[in-house]
Full PDB file with SEQRES, HELIX, SHEET, SSBOND, CRYST1, ORIGX, SCALE, CONECT and MASTER records, all heavy atoms in Angstrom:
SEQRES   1 A   41  GLY LEU VAL LEU ALA GLY LEU ALA LEU ALA PRO LEU LEU          
SEQRES   2 A   41  TRP LEU LEU GLY ALA SER VAL SER GLY ALA GLY SER THR          
SEQRES   3 A   41  PHE ARG LEU LEU ALA ALA ALA ARG PRO TRP ALA LEU LEU          
SEQRES   4 A   41  LEU ARG                                                      
HELIX    1 AA1 LEU A    2  SER A   21  1                                  20    
HELIX    2 AA2 ALA A   23  THR A   26  1                                   4    
HELIX    3 AA3 PHE A   27  ALA A   31  5                                   5    
HELIX    4 AA4 ALA A   33  LEU A   40  1                                   8    
CRYST1    1.000    1.000    1.000  90.00  90.00  90.00 P 1           1          
ORIGX1      1.000000  0.000000  0.000000        0.00000                         
ORIGX2      0.000000  1.000000  0.000000        0.00000                         
ORIGX3      0.000000  0.000000  1.000000        0.00000                         
SCALE1      1.000000  0.000000  0.000000        0.00000                         
SCALE2      0.000000  1.000000  0.000000        0.00000                         
SCALE3      0.000000  0.000000  1.000000        0.00000                         
ATOM      1  N   GLY A   1     126.635  98.688-131.298  1.00  0.00           N  
ATOM      2  CA  GLY A   1     127.421  99.196-132.429  1.00  0.00           C  
ATOM      3  C   GLY A   1     128.698  98.473-132.451  1.00  0.00           C  
ATOM      4  O   GLY A   1     129.243  98.021-133.612  1.00  0.00           O  
ATOM      5  N   LEU A   2     129.441  98.266-131.320  1.00  0.00           N  
ATOM      6  CA  LEU A   2     130.741  97.542-131.413  1.00  0.00           C  
ATOM      7  C   LEU A   2     130.529  96.061-131.746  1.00  0.00           C  
ATOM      8  O   LEU A   2     131.381  95.568-132.482  1.00  0.00           O  
ATOM      9  CB  LEU A   2     131.313  97.689-129.921  1.00  0.00           C  
ATOM     10  CG  LEU A   2     131.846  99.025-129.496  1.00  0.00           C  
ATOM     11  CD1 LEU A   2     132.352  99.012-128.123  1.00  0.00           C  
ATOM     12  CD2 LEU A   2     133.005  99.411-130.429  1.00  0.00           C  
ATOM     13  N   VAL A   3     129.469  95.458-131.321  1.00  0.00           N  
ATOM     14  CA  VAL A   3     129.221  94.127-131.699  1.00  0.00           C  
ATOM     15  C   VAL A   3     129.004  93.969-133.126  1.00  0.00           C  
ATOM     16  O   VAL A   3     129.525  93.074-133.922  1.00  0.00           O  
ATOM     17  CB  VAL A   3     128.059  93.552-130.914  1.00  0.00           C  
ATOM     18  CG1 VAL A   3     127.646  92.125-131.450  1.00  0.00           C  
ATOM     19  CG2 VAL A   3     128.319  93.423-129.401  1.00  0.00           C  
ATOM     20  N   LEU A   4     128.103  94.850-133.709  1.00  0.00           N  
ATOM     21  CA  LEU A   4     127.876  94.794-135.163  1.00  0.00           C  
ATOM     22  C   LEU A   4     129.116  95.104-135.975  1.00  0.00           C  
ATOM     23  O   LEU A   4     129.366  94.492-137.039  1.00  0.00           O  
ATOM     24  CB  LEU A   4     126.690  95.755-135.501  1.00  0.00           C  
ATOM     25  CG  LEU A   4     125.332  95.401-134.935  1.00  0.00           C  
ATOM     26  CD1 LEU A   4     124.346  96.489-135.286  1.00  0.00           C  
ATOM     27  CD2 LEU A   4     124.896  94.079-135.556  1.00  0.00           C  
ATOM     28  N   ALA A   5     129.888  96.109-135.534  1.00  0.00           N  
ATOM     29  CA  ALA A   5     131.130  96.415-136.257  1.00  0.00           C  
ATOM     30  C   ALA A   5     132.053  95.343-136.205  1.00  0.00           C  
ATOM     31  O   ALA A   5     132.780  94.992-137.219  1.00  0.00           O  
ATOM     32  CB  ALA A   5     131.746  97.646-135.565  1.00  0.00           C  
ATOM     33  N   GLY A   6     132.169  94.623-135.116  1.00  0.00           N  
ATOM     34  CA  GLY A   6     133.094  93.406-135.042  1.00  0.00           C  
ATOM     35  C   GLY A   6     132.655  92.290-135.943  1.00  0.00           C  
ATOM     36  O   GLY A   6     133.436  91.711-136.706  1.00  0.00           O  
ATOM     37  N   LEU A   7     131.292  92.112-136.012  1.00  0.00           N  
ATOM     38  CA  LEU A   7     130.779  91.035-136.961  1.00  0.00           C  
ATOM     39  C   LEU A   7     131.062  91.438-138.404  1.00  0.00           C  
ATOM     40  O   LEU A   7     131.305  90.516-139.232  1.00  0.00           O  
ATOM     41  CB  LEU A   7     129.316  90.807-136.728  1.00  0.00           C  
ATOM     42  CG  LEU A   7     128.938  90.146-135.333  1.00  0.00           C  
ATOM     43  CD1 LEU A   7     127.425  90.084-135.205  1.00  0.00           C  
ATOM     44  CD2 LEU A   7     129.558  88.783-135.188  1.00  0.00           C  
ATOM     45  N   ALA A   8     130.919  92.732-138.748  1.00  0.00           N  
ATOM     46  CA  ALA A   8     131.060  93.115-140.000  1.00  0.00           C  
ATOM     47  C   ALA A   8     132.530  93.130-140.451  1.00  0.00           C  
ATOM     48  O   ALA A   8     132.933  92.866-141.610  1.00  0.00           O  
ATOM     49  CB  ALA A   8     130.443  94.492-140.260  1.00  0.00           C  
ATOM     50  N   LEU A   9     133.338  93.515-139.496  1.00  0.00           N  
ATOM     51  CA  LEU A   9     134.806  93.723-139.870  1.00  0.00           C  
ATOM     52  C   LEU A   9     135.603  92.375-139.816  1.00  0.00           C  
ATOM     53  O   LEU A   9     136.660  92.326-140.355  1.00  0.00           O  
ATOM     54  CB  LEU A   9     135.430  94.611-138.836  1.00  0.00           C  
ATOM     55  CG  LEU A   9     135.048  96.164-139.029  1.00  0.00           C  
ATOM     56  CD1 LEU A   9     135.690  97.008-137.961  1.00  0.00           C  
ATOM     57  CD2 LEU A   9     135.401  96.732-140.437  1.00  0.00           C  
ATOM     58  N   ALA A  10     135.045  91.352-139.052  1.00  0.00           N  
ATOM     59  CA  ALA A  10     135.752  90.106-138.954  1.00  0.00           C  
ATOM     60  C   ALA A  10     136.153  89.480-140.329  1.00  0.00           C  
ATOM     61  O   ALA A  10     137.390  89.124-140.613  1.00  0.00           O  
ATOM     62  CB  ALA A  10     135.043  89.133-138.181  1.00  0.00           C  
ATOM     63  N   PRO A  11     135.170  89.360-141.243  1.00  0.00           N  
ATOM     64  CA  PRO A  11     135.598  88.718-142.511  1.00  0.00           C  
ATOM     65  C   PRO A  11     136.542  89.668-143.281  1.00  0.00           C  
ATOM     66  O   PRO A  11     137.423  89.168-144.096  1.00  0.00           O  
ATOM     67  CB  PRO A  11     134.269  88.547-143.298  1.00  0.00           C  
ATOM     68  CG  PRO A  11     133.368  89.465-142.644  1.00  0.00           C  
ATOM     69  CD  PRO A  11     133.740  89.498-141.160  1.00  0.00           C  
ATOM     70  N   LEU A  12     136.392  90.984-143.147  1.00  0.00           N  
ATOM     71  CA  LEU A  12     137.278  91.891-143.911  1.00  0.00           C  
ATOM     72  C   LEU A  12     138.641  91.773-143.384  1.00  0.00           C  
ATOM     73  O   LEU A  12     139.654  91.889-144.132  1.00  0.00           O  
ATOM     74  CB  LEU A  12     136.739  93.298-143.725  1.00  0.00           C  
ATOM     75  CG  LEU A  12     135.373  93.658-144.416  1.00  0.00           C  
ATOM     76  CD1 LEU A  12     134.960  95.038-144.256  1.00  0.00           C  
ATOM     77  CD2 LEU A  12     135.437  93.274-145.886  1.00  0.00           C  
ATOM     78  N   LEU A  13     138.809  91.656-141.985  1.00  0.00           N  
ATOM     79  CA  LEU A  13     140.186  91.583-141.501  1.00  0.00           C  
ATOM     80  C   LEU A  13     140.787  90.239-141.966  1.00  0.00           C  
ATOM     81  O   LEU A  13     142.026  90.217-142.204  1.00  0.00           O  
ATOM     82  CB  LEU A  13     140.095  91.595-139.935  1.00  0.00           C  
ATOM     83  CG  LEU A  13     139.621  92.960-139.407  1.00  0.00           C  
ATOM     84  CD1 LEU A  13     139.491  92.844-137.895  1.00  0.00           C  
ATOM     85  CD2 LEU A  13     140.687  94.039-139.731  1.00  0.00           C  
ATOM     86  N   TRP A  14     139.971  89.154-142.028  1.00  0.00           N  
ATOM     87  CA  TRP A  14     140.459  87.895-142.575  1.00  0.00           C  
ATOM     88  C   TRP A  14     141.001  88.022-143.909  1.00  0.00           C  
ATOM     89  O   TRP A  14     142.056  87.576-144.260  1.00  0.00           O  
ATOM     90  CB  TRP A  14     139.448  86.821-142.471  1.00  0.00           C  
ATOM     91  CG  TRP A  14     139.921  85.446-142.851  1.00  0.00           C  
ATOM     92  CD1 TRP A  14     140.641  84.547-142.175  1.00  0.00           C  
ATOM     93  CD2 TRP A  14     139.801  84.840-144.218  1.00  0.00           C  
ATOM     94  NE1 TRP A  14     140.950  83.515-142.887  1.00  0.00           N  
ATOM     95  CE2 TRP A  14     140.404  83.617-144.078  1.00  0.00           C  
ATOM     96  CE3 TRP A  14     139.206  85.324-145.383  1.00  0.00           C  
ATOM     97  CZ2 TRP A  14     140.442  82.849-145.278  1.00  0.00           C  
ATOM     98  CZ3 TRP A  14     139.256  84.503-146.480  1.00  0.00           C  
ATOM     99  CH2 TRP A  14     139.882  83.269-146.417  1.00  0.00           C  
ATOM    100  N   LEU A  15     140.206  88.684-144.776  1.00  0.00           N  
ATOM    101  CA  LEU A  15     140.642  88.927-146.203  1.00  0.00           C  
ATOM    102  C   LEU A  15     141.889  89.852-146.268  1.00  0.00           C  
ATOM    103  O   LEU A  15     142.736  89.606-147.084  1.00  0.00           O  
ATOM    104  CB  LEU A  15     139.554  89.563-147.012  1.00  0.00           C  
ATOM    105  CG  LEU A  15     138.330  88.738-147.294  1.00  0.00           C  
ATOM    106  CD1 LEU A  15     137.276  89.478-147.918  1.00  0.00           C  
ATOM    107  CD2 LEU A  15     138.759  87.549-148.182  1.00  0.00           C  
ATOM    108  N   LEU A  16     141.955  90.845-145.324  1.00  0.00           N  
ATOM    109  CA  LEU A  16     143.199  91.628-145.277  1.00  0.00           C  
ATOM    110  C   LEU A  16     144.371  90.770-144.935  1.00  0.00           C  
ATOM    111  O   LEU A  16     145.432  91.002-145.505  1.00  0.00           O  
ATOM    112  CB  LEU A  16     142.917  92.762-144.279  1.00  0.00           C  
ATOM    113  CG  LEU A  16     144.136  93.688-144.107  1.00  0.00           C  
ATOM    114  CD1 LEU A  16     144.491  94.445-145.364  1.00  0.00           C  
ATOM    115  CD2 LEU A  16     143.867  94.664-142.934  1.00  0.00           C  
ATOM    116  N   GLY A  17     144.222  89.840-143.949  1.00  0.00           N  
ATOM    117  CA  GLY A  17     145.370  89.019-143.687  1.00  0.00           C  
ATOM    118  C   GLY A  17     145.790  88.154-144.805  1.00  0.00           C  
ATOM    119  O   GLY A  17     146.977  87.925-145.152  1.00  0.00           O  
ATOM    120  N   ALA A  18     144.734  87.586-145.590  1.00  0.00           N  
ATOM    121  CA  ALA A  18     145.097  86.887-146.729  1.00  0.00           C  
ATOM    122  C   ALA A  18     145.792  87.699-147.825  1.00  0.00           C  
ATOM    123  O   ALA A  18     146.655  87.263-148.532  1.00  0.00           O  
ATOM    124  CB  ALA A  18     143.854  86.189-147.328  1.00  0.00           C  
ATOM    125  N   SER A  19     145.369  88.885-147.965  1.00  0.00           N  
ATOM    126  CA  SER A  19     146.027  89.840-148.879  1.00  0.00           C  
ATOM    127  C   SER A  19     147.504  90.136-148.504  1.00  0.00           C  
ATOM    128  O   SER A  19     148.374  90.191-149.392  1.00  0.00           O  
ATOM    129  CB  SER A  19     145.267  91.100-149.006  1.00  0.00           C  
ATOM    130  OG  SER A  19     143.850  90.898-149.457  1.00  0.00           O  
ATOM    131  N   VAL A  20     147.744  90.371-147.236  1.00  0.00           N  
ATOM    132  CA  VAL A  20     149.076  90.742-146.711  1.00  0.00           C  
ATOM    133  C   VAL A  20     149.968  89.517-146.930  1.00  0.00           C  
ATOM    134  O   VAL A  20     151.116  89.610-147.355  1.00  0.00           O  
ATOM    135  CB  VAL A  20     148.971  91.163-145.350  1.00  0.00           C  
ATOM    136  CG1 VAL A  20     150.416  91.377-144.755  1.00  0.00           C  
ATOM    137  CG2 VAL A  20     148.231  92.550-145.215  1.00  0.00           C  
ATOM    138  N   SER A  21     149.477  88.315-146.691  1.00  0.00           N  
ATOM    139  CA  SER A  21     150.272  87.134-146.745  1.00  0.00           C  
ATOM    140  C   SER A  21     150.760  86.895-148.195  1.00  0.00           C  
ATOM    141  O   SER A  21     151.773  86.350-148.404  1.00  0.00           O  
ATOM    142  CB  SER A  21     149.541  85.923-146.265  1.00  0.00           C  
ATOM    143  OG  SER A  21     148.416  85.671-147.047  1.00  0.00           O  
ATOM    144  N   GLY A  22     149.954  87.289-149.153  1.00  0.00           N  
ATOM    145  CA  GLY A  22     150.329  87.150-150.513  1.00  0.00           C  
ATOM    146  C   GLY A  22     150.512  88.471-151.253  1.00  0.00           C  
ATOM    147  O   GLY A  22     150.082  88.657-152.368  1.00  0.00           O  
ATOM    148  N   ALA A  23     150.985  89.496-150.486  1.00  0.00           N  
ATOM    149  CA  ALA A  23     151.033  90.844-151.043  1.00  0.00           C  
ATOM    150  C   ALA A  23     151.861  90.950-152.350  1.00  0.00           C  
ATOM    151  O   ALA A  23     151.470  91.782-153.154  1.00  0.00           O  
ATOM    152  CB  ALA A  23     151.734  91.743-149.976  1.00  0.00           C  
ATOM    153  N   GLY A  24     152.819  90.130-152.502  1.00  0.00           N  
ATOM    154  CA  GLY A  24     153.545  90.247-153.813  1.00  0.00           C  
ATOM    155  C   GLY A  24     152.737  90.095-155.016  1.00  0.00           C  
ATOM    156  O   GLY A  24     152.855  90.768-155.996  1.00  0.00           O  
ATOM    157  N   SER A  25     151.824  89.043-154.988  1.00  0.00           N  
ATOM    158  CA  SER A  25     150.927  88.843-156.120  1.00  0.00           C  
ATOM    159  C   SER A  25     149.631  89.409-156.011  1.00  0.00           C  
ATOM    160  O   SER A  25     148.881  89.684-157.008  1.00  0.00           O  
ATOM    161  CB  SER A  25     150.805  87.292-156.324  1.00  0.00           C  
ATOM    162  OG  SER A  25     150.268  86.770-155.211  1.00  0.00           O  
ATOM    163  N   THR A  26     149.183  89.727-154.787  1.00  0.00           N  
ATOM    164  CA  THR A  26     147.829  90.243-154.572  1.00  0.00           C  
ATOM    165  C   THR A  26     147.726  91.685-155.050  1.00  0.00           C  
ATOM    166  O   THR A  26     146.810  91.991-155.902  1.00  0.00           O  
ATOM    167  CB  THR A  26     147.437  90.130-153.117  1.00  0.00           C  
ATOM    168  OG1 THR A  26     147.425  88.712-152.755  1.00  0.00           O  
ATOM    169  CG2 THR A  26     146.085  90.677-152.901  1.00  0.00           C  
ATOM    170  N   PHE A  27     148.473  92.510-154.561  1.00  0.00           N  
ATOM    171  CA  PHE A  27     148.301  93.976-154.800  1.00  0.00           C  
ATOM    172  C   PHE A  27     148.871  94.314-156.148  1.00  0.00           C  
ATOM    173  O   PHE A  27     148.808  95.445-156.684  1.00  0.00           O  
ATOM    174  CB  PHE A  27     148.924  94.821-153.744  1.00  0.00           C  
ATOM    175  CG  PHE A  27     148.145  94.700-152.438  1.00  0.00           C  
ATOM    176  CD1 PHE A  27     148.548  93.923-151.367  1.00  0.00           C  
ATOM    177  CD2 PHE A  27     146.943  95.426-152.234  1.00  0.00           C  
ATOM    178  CE1 PHE A  27     147.921  93.816-150.188  1.00  0.00           C  
ATOM    179  CE2 PHE A  27     146.309  95.320-151.059  1.00  0.00           C  
ATOM    180  CZ  PHE A  27     146.734  94.564-150.027  1.00  0.00           C  
ATOM    181  N   ARG A  28     149.605  93.399-156.791  1.00  0.00           N  
ATOM    182  CA  ARG A  28     150.135  93.589-158.139  1.00  0.00           C  
ATOM    183  C   ARG A  28     149.006  93.806-159.151  1.00  0.00           C  
ATOM    184  O   ARG A  28     149.176  94.351-160.200  1.00  0.00           O  
ATOM    185  CB  ARG A  28     151.062  92.485-158.568  1.00  0.00           C  
ATOM    186  CG  ARG A  28     151.869  92.747-159.799  1.00  0.00           C  
ATOM    187  CD  ARG A  28     152.815  91.563-160.112  1.00  0.00           C  
ATOM    188  NE  ARG A  28     153.659  91.228-159.052  1.00  0.00           N  
ATOM    189  CZ  ARG A  28     153.934  90.036-158.653  1.00  0.00           C  
ATOM    190  NH1 ARG A  28     153.359  88.942-159.245  1.00  0.00           N  
ATOM    191  NH2 ARG A  28     154.812  89.821-157.666  1.00  0.00           N  
ATOM    192  N   LEU A  29     147.842  93.232-158.763  1.00  0.00           N  
ATOM    193  CA  LEU A  29     146.658  93.361-159.660  1.00  0.00           C  
ATOM    194  C   LEU A  29     146.277  94.829-159.958  1.00  0.00           C  
ATOM    195  O   LEU A  29     145.896  95.211-161.064  1.00  0.00           O  
ATOM    196  CB  LEU A  29     145.442  92.667-159.027  1.00  0.00           C  
ATOM    197  CG  LEU A  29     145.417  91.104-159.110  1.00  0.00           C  
ATOM    198  CD1 LEU A  29     144.310  90.637-158.270  1.00  0.00           C  
ATOM    199  CD2 LEU A  29     145.393  90.663-160.487  1.00  0.00           C  
ATOM    200  N   LEU A  30     146.481  95.637-158.898  1.00  0.00           N  
ATOM    201  CA  LEU A  30     146.070  97.021-158.986  1.00  0.00           C  
ATOM    202  C   LEU A  30     147.058  97.762-159.951  1.00  0.00           C  
ATOM    203  O   LEU A  30     146.748  98.991-160.212  1.00  0.00           O  
ATOM    204  CB  LEU A  30     145.987  97.711-157.624  1.00  0.00           C  
ATOM    205  CG  LEU A  30     145.024  97.077-156.687  1.00  0.00           C  
ATOM    206  CD1 LEU A  30     145.031  97.726-155.355  1.00  0.00           C  
ATOM    207  CD2 LEU A  30     143.545  97.168-157.337  1.00  0.00           C  
ATOM    208  N   ALA A  31     148.231  97.249-160.209  1.00  0.00           N  
ATOM    209  CA  ALA A  31     149.183  97.934-161.069  1.00  0.00           C  
ATOM    210  C   ALA A  31     148.820  97.602-162.542  1.00  0.00           C  
ATOM    211  O   ALA A  31     149.377  98.348-163.446  1.00  0.00           O  
ATOM    212  CB  ALA A  31     150.589  97.481-160.734  1.00  0.00           C  
ATOM    213  N   ALA A  32     147.967  96.663-162.781  1.00  0.00           N  
ATOM    214  CA  ALA A  32     147.581  96.387-164.169  1.00  0.00           C  
ATOM    215  C   ALA A  32     146.524  97.350-164.625  1.00  0.00           C  
ATOM    216  O   ALA A  32     145.795  97.959-163.811  1.00  0.00           O  
ATOM    217  CB  ALA A  32     147.156  94.944-164.316  1.00  0.00           C  
ATOM    218  N   ALA A  33     146.390  97.501-165.921  1.00  0.00           N  
ATOM    219  CA  ALA A  33     145.380  98.484-166.478  1.00  0.00           C  
ATOM    220  C   ALA A  33     143.970  97.800-166.560  1.00  0.00           C  
ATOM    221  O   ALA A  33     143.014  98.664-166.512  1.00  0.00           O  
ATOM    222  CB  ALA A  33     145.899  98.879-167.910  1.00  0.00           C  
ATOM    223  N   ARG A  34     143.888  96.552-166.668  1.00  0.00           N  
ATOM    224  CA  ARG A  34     142.602  95.998-166.838  1.00  0.00           C  
ATOM    225  C   ARG A  34     141.577  96.187-165.726  1.00  0.00           C  
ATOM    226  O   ARG A  34     140.395  96.593-165.939  1.00  0.00           O  
ATOM    227  CB  ARG A  34     142.685  94.455-167.125  1.00  0.00           C  
ATOM    228  CG  ARG A  34     141.338  93.787-167.344  1.00  0.00           C  
ATOM    229  CD  ARG A  34     141.536  92.358-167.913  1.00  0.00           C  
ATOM    230  NE  ARG A  34     140.217  91.699-168.018  1.00  0.00           N  
ATOM    231  CZ  ARG A  34     139.289  91.934-168.936  1.00  0.00           C  
ATOM    232  NH1 ARG A  34     139.542  92.841-169.879  1.00  0.00           N  
ATOM    233  NH2 ARG A  34     138.203  91.264-168.990  1.00  0.00           N  
ATOM    234  N   PRO A  35     142.014  95.961-164.428  1.00  0.00           N  
ATOM    235  CA  PRO A  35     140.978  96.263-163.364  1.00  0.00           C  
ATOM    236  C   PRO A  35     140.474  97.722-163.417  1.00  0.00           C  
ATOM    237  O   PRO A  35     139.242  97.932-163.221  1.00  0.00           O  
ATOM    238  CB  PRO A  35     141.739  95.995-162.044  1.00  0.00           C  
ATOM    239  CG  PRO A  35     142.884  95.082-162.486  1.00  0.00           C  
ATOM    240  CD  PRO A  35     143.256  95.468-163.922  1.00  0.00           C  
ATOM    241  N   TRP A  36     141.333  98.727-163.662  1.00  0.00           N  
ATOM    242  CA  TRP A  36     140.914 100.082-163.750  1.00  0.00           C  
ATOM    243  C   TRP A  36     140.013 100.317-164.889  1.00  0.00           C  
ATOM    244  O   TRP A  36     139.083 101.144-164.813  1.00  0.00           O  
ATOM    245  CB  TRP A  36     142.075 100.993-163.713  1.00  0.00           C  
ATOM    246  CG  TRP A  36     142.956 100.770-162.468  1.00  0.00           C  
ATOM    247  CD1 TRP A  36     144.118 100.144-162.357  1.00  0.00           C  
ATOM    248  CD2 TRP A  36     142.743 101.414-161.251  1.00  0.00           C  
ATOM    249  NE1 TRP A  36     144.549 100.201-161.064  1.00  0.00           N  
ATOM    250  CE2 TRP A  36     143.737 101.001-160.361  1.00  0.00           C  
ATOM    251  CE3 TRP A  36     141.650 102.191-160.702  1.00  0.00           C  
ATOM    252  CZ2 TRP A  36     143.771 101.354-159.016  1.00  0.00           C  
ATOM    253  CZ3 TRP A  36     141.678 102.534-159.341  1.00  0.00           C  
ATOM    254  CH2 TRP A  36     142.750 102.096-158.543  1.00  0.00           C  
ATOM    255  N   ALA A  37     140.315  99.672-166.003  1.00  0.00           N  
ATOM    256  CA  ALA A  37     139.496  99.752-167.240  1.00  0.00           C  
ATOM    257  C   ALA A  37     138.040  99.215-166.945  1.00  0.00           C  
ATOM    258  O   ALA A  37     137.029  99.781-167.315  1.00  0.00           O  
ATOM    259  CB  ALA A  37     140.059  99.111-168.389  1.00  0.00           C  
ATOM    260  N   LEU A  38     137.960  98.078-166.296  1.00  0.00           N  
ATOM    261  CA  LEU A  38     136.668  97.544-165.824  1.00  0.00           C  
ATOM    262  C   LEU A  38     135.906  98.407-164.858  1.00  0.00           C  
ATOM    263  O   LEU A  38     134.717  98.539-164.978  1.00  0.00           O  
ATOM    264  CB  LEU A  38     136.910  96.148-165.357  1.00  0.00           C  
ATOM    265  CG  LEU A  38     137.292  94.976-166.242  1.00  0.00           C  
ATOM    266  CD1 LEU A  38     137.552  93.735-165.494  1.00  0.00           C  
ATOM    267  CD2 LEU A  38     136.309  94.774-167.295  1.00  0.00           C  
ATOM    268  N   LEU A  39     136.670  98.983-163.915  1.00  0.00           N  
ATOM    269  CA  LEU A  39     136.068  99.855-163.031  1.00  0.00           C  
ATOM    270  C   LEU A  39     135.502 101.099-163.698  1.00  0.00           C  
ATOM    271  O   LEU A  39     134.378 101.481-163.394  1.00  0.00           O  
ATOM    272  CB  LEU A  39     137.051 100.229-161.886  1.00  0.00           C  
ATOM    273  CG  LEU A  39     136.534 101.253-160.852  1.00  0.00           C  
ATOM    274  CD1 LEU A  39     135.363 100.608-160.074  1.00  0.00           C  
ATOM    275  CD2 LEU A  39     137.628 101.608-159.748  1.00  0.00           C  
ATOM    276  N   LEU A  40     136.224 101.604-164.644  1.00  0.00           N  
ATOM    277  CA  LEU A  40     135.730 102.835-165.349  1.00  0.00           C  
ATOM    278  C   LEU A  40     134.520 102.464-166.195  1.00  0.00           C  
ATOM    279  O   LEU A  40     133.514 103.236-166.182  1.00  0.00           O  
ATOM    280  CB  LEU A  40     136.831 103.357-166.210  1.00  0.00           C  
ATOM    281  CG  LEU A  40     136.459 104.539-167.148  1.00  0.00           C  
ATOM    282  CD1 LEU A  40     136.029 105.754-166.312  1.00  0.00           C  
ATOM    283  CD2 LEU A  40     137.644 104.955-168.082  1.00  0.00           C  
ATOM    284  N   ARG A  41     134.564 101.328-166.814  1.00  0.00           N  
ATOM    285  CA  ARG A  41     133.395 100.852-167.571  1.00  0.00           C  
ATOM    286  C   ARG A  41     132.131 100.660-166.669  1.00  0.00           C  
ATOM    287  O   ARG A  41     131.043 101.077-167.050  1.00  0.00           O  
ATOM    288  CB  ARG A  41     133.645  99.487-168.276  1.00  0.00           C  
ATOM    289  CG  ARG A  41     132.479  98.992-169.019  1.00  0.00           C  
ATOM    290  CD  ARG A  41     132.771  97.587-169.710  1.00  0.00           C  
ATOM    291  NE  ARG A  41     133.876  97.733-170.686  1.00  0.00           N  
ATOM    292  CZ  ARG A  41     134.386  96.731-171.251  1.00  0.00           C  
ATOM    293  NH1 ARG A  41     134.063  95.510-171.060  1.00  0.00           N  
ATOM    294  NH2 ARG A  41     135.371  96.928-172.251  1.00  0.00           N  
TER     295      ARG A  41                                                      
MASTER        0    0    0    4    0    0    0    6  294    1    0    4          
END                                                                             
């Protein structure tokens, strides 16, 4: 289970690092209305 969890989480952790490095522009997307409207649709 630990091996599978590591393999599954590795790309997610890399994406998390990319998100944190560009946090100013990355998470600003969630403040816009369009992503939430698309999710609701």
